Amino acid sequence: MVIQREISLRPYRRGFHLITSEVLELVPEIRQMNAGILQVFIQHTSASLTINENADPTVRQDFESWFNDAVPEDYPRFIHTYEGPDDMPAHIKASMLGASVQLPITNGRPNLGTWQGIYLCEHRDRGGSRRLVVTVYGE
């Protein structure tokens, strides 16, 4: 079985946000799979996806702090600035983290570790709604 769905997420504020439950809710067919692969791709260049800690929200705050220090908005050599000071840093952060994640499916659920979840990494102050392509294949 192969399922592919394009889904839109509500706008999130800048930061790192757990979206695992949203993805699972919007693609309920995952529950029918015994074994397979879940691939989530974001159709944007200023937001990204990653998998990390799903329990302590301070991890998400620390991610935001570290990335803001590593890629500052006031970097004087940026020339792509006409969409605002957060735009070029958002592109760099998105490239560092990546546009997709892939997870195994076992017995109708993503086979994540105990403390893992899918993050939407919103790198813009006003990024708006984000589109994901979710592909599930398996049996």
Protein backbone atom coordinates (compact mmCIF):
# COMPACT_ATOMS: atom_id res chain seq x y z
CA MET A 1 0.00 0.00 0.00
CA VAL A 2 1.19 3.50 -0.85
CA ILE A 3 -0.50 6.64 0.46
CA GLN A 4 0.56 10.17 -0.28
CA ARG A 5 -1.16 13.19 1.17
CA GLU A 6 -0.43 16.91 1.09
CA ILE A 7 -1.35 18.52 4.39
CA SER A 8 -1.27 22.10 5.64
CA LEU A 9 -0.22 22.94 9.15
CA ARG A 10 -1.60 25.92 10.99
CA PRO A 11 0.85 28.82 11.31
CA TYR A 12 3.33 28.34 14.13
CA ARG A 13 5.36 31.04 15.82
CA ARG A 14 9.09 31.02 15.30
CA GLY A 15 10.68 28.09 17.13
CA PHE A 16 10.69 24.32 17.33
CA HIS A 17 7.31 22.58 17.55
CA LEU A 18 6.25 18.96 17.98
CA ILE A 19 3.96 17.91 15.12
CA THR A 20 3.99 14.11 15.48
CA SER A 21 0.37 13.88 16.64
CA GLU A 22 -0.81 16.27 13.90
CA VAL A 23 0.81 14.17 11.18
CA LEU A 24 -0.66 10.95 12.61
CA GLU A 25 -4.11 12.52 12.93
CA LEU A 26 -4.10 13.78 9.33
CA VAL A 27 -2.90 10.45 7.89
CA PRO A 28 -4.94 7.85 9.83
CA GLU A 29 -4.08 5.09 7.33
CA ILE A 30 -0.76 4.69 9.15
CA ARG A 31 -2.67 2.73 11.80
CA GLN A 32 -3.45 0.04 9.19
CA MET A 33 0.20 -0.73 8.43
CA ASN A 34 2.05 -3.61 10.06
CA ALA A 35 5.42 -2.56 8.65
CA GLY A 36 6.42 0.33 6.45
CA ILE A 37 8.03 3.72 6.07
CA LEU A 38 6.68 7.18 6.85
CA GLN A 39 8.36 10.02 5.01
CA VAL A 40 7.49 13.66 5.75
CA PHE A 41 8.71 16.42 3.40
CA ILE A 42 8.25 20.17 3.91
CA GLN A 43 7.64 22.28 0.79
CA HIS A 44 9.41 25.39 2.07
CA THR A 45 12.92 26.82 2.18
CA SER A 46 12.65 28.77 5.43
CA ALA A 47 11.34 26.01 7.71
CA SER A 48 12.63 22.50 8.28
CA LEU A 49 11.95 19.16 9.92
CA THR A 50 13.93 17.10 12.38
CA ILE A 51 13.45 14.41 15.02
CA ASN A 52 14.44 15.02 18.60
CA GLU A 53 13.36 15.18 22.28
CA ASN A 54 9.58 15.09 22.74
CA ALA A 55 9.28 15.47 26.52
CA ASP A 56 11.11 18.50 27.91
CA PRO A 57 10.14 21.78 26.17
CA THR A 58 13.40 23.41 27.24
CA VAL A 59 15.14 21.31 24.58
CA ARG A 60 13.12 23.14 21.93
CA GLN A 61 13.98 26.49 23.52
CA ASP A 62 17.67 25.57 23.54
CA PHE A 63 17.50 24.58 19.86
CA GLU A 64 16.07 28.01 19.03
CA SER A 65 18.73 29.81 21.10
CA TRP A 66 21.60 27.84 19.58
CA PHE A 67 20.48 28.31 15.98
CA ASN A 68 19.92 32.04 16.53
CA ASP A 69 23.46 32.36 17.91
CA ALA A 70 24.94 30.22 15.11
CA VAL A 71 23.15 32.11 12.32
CA PRO A 72 22.53 35.68 13.53
CA GLU A 73 20.13 37.97 11.73
CA ASP A 74 22.55 40.86 11.83
CA TYR A 75 25.32 39.06 9.93
CA PRO A 76 26.75 41.95 7.86
CA ARG A 77 27.63 39.89 4.76
CA PHE A 78 24.08 38.73 3.94
CA ILE A 79 22.89 40.29 0.69
CA HIS A 80 19.54 38.44 0.43
CA THR A 81 17.75 40.77 2.84
CA TYR A 82 14.76 42.23 0.95
CA GLU A 83 12.29 39.81 2.61
CA GLY A 84 13.38 40.87 6.08
CA PRO A 85 16.25 40.22 8.47
CA ASP A 86 15.00 36.72 9.38
CA ASP A 87 14.81 35.46 5.78
CA MET A 88 18.39 34.54 4.89
CA PRO A 89 19.10 33.09 8.34
CA ALA A 90 15.93 31.00 7.92
CA HIS A 91 17.21 29.58 4.63
CA ILE A 92 20.53 28.62 6.20
CA LYS A 93 18.89 27.04 9.26
CA ALA A 94 16.52 25.07 7.02
CA SER A 95 19.46 23.79 4.97
CA MET A 96 21.31 22.76 8.12
CA LEU A 97 18.39 20.69 9.43
CA GLY A 98 16.84 19.45 6.20
CA ALA A 99 13.52 19.24 4.40
CA SER A 100 12.45 15.70 5.31
CA VAL A 101 12.43 12.96 7.90
CA GLN A 102 11.88 9.26 7.42
CA LEU A 103 10.63 6.86 10.10
CA PRO A 104 9.89 3.15 10.26
CA ILE A 105 6.29 2.11 10.89
CA THR A 106 5.73 -0.90 13.15
CA ASN A 107 2.28 -2.16 14.12
CA GLY A 108 0.47 0.97 12.97
CA ARG A 109 2.73 3.55 14.65
CA PRO A 110 5.96 5.33 13.86
CA ASN A 111 8.69 3.31 15.56
CA LEU A 112 10.20 6.27 17.40
CA GLY A 113 12.34 6.03 20.49
CA THR A 114 10.71 6.76 23.84
CA TRP A 115 11.74 10.41 23.83
CA GLN A 116 11.52 11.20 20.09
CA GLY A 117 9.08 13.31 18.12
CA ILE A 118 8.86 15.07 14.76
CA TYR A 119 9.66 18.78 14.95
CA LEU A 120 8.51 21.54 12.66
CA CYS A 121 11.36 24.02 12.85
CA GLU A 122 9.89 27.43 12.03
CA HIS A 123 12.70 29.84 11.28
CA ARG A 124 10.67 32.92 10.27
CA ASP A 125 8.93 35.40 12.52
CA ARG A 126 5.80 35.13 10.36
CA GLY A 127 6.24 31.99 8.28
CA GLY A 128 2.53 31.30 7.87
CA SER A 129 0.92 27.96 7.18
CA ARG A 130 3.38 25.24 6.13
CA ARG A 131 2.69 22.49 3.60
CA LEU A 132 3.90 18.93 4.09
CA VAL A 133 3.88 15.98 1.73
CA VAL A 134 3.41 12.81 3.75
CA THR A 135 4.17 9.53 2.00
CA VAL A 136 3.50 6.18 3.64
CA TYR A 137 4.37 2.87 2.07
CA GLY A 138 4.22 -0.60 3.49
CA GLU A 139 1.88 -3.45 4.28
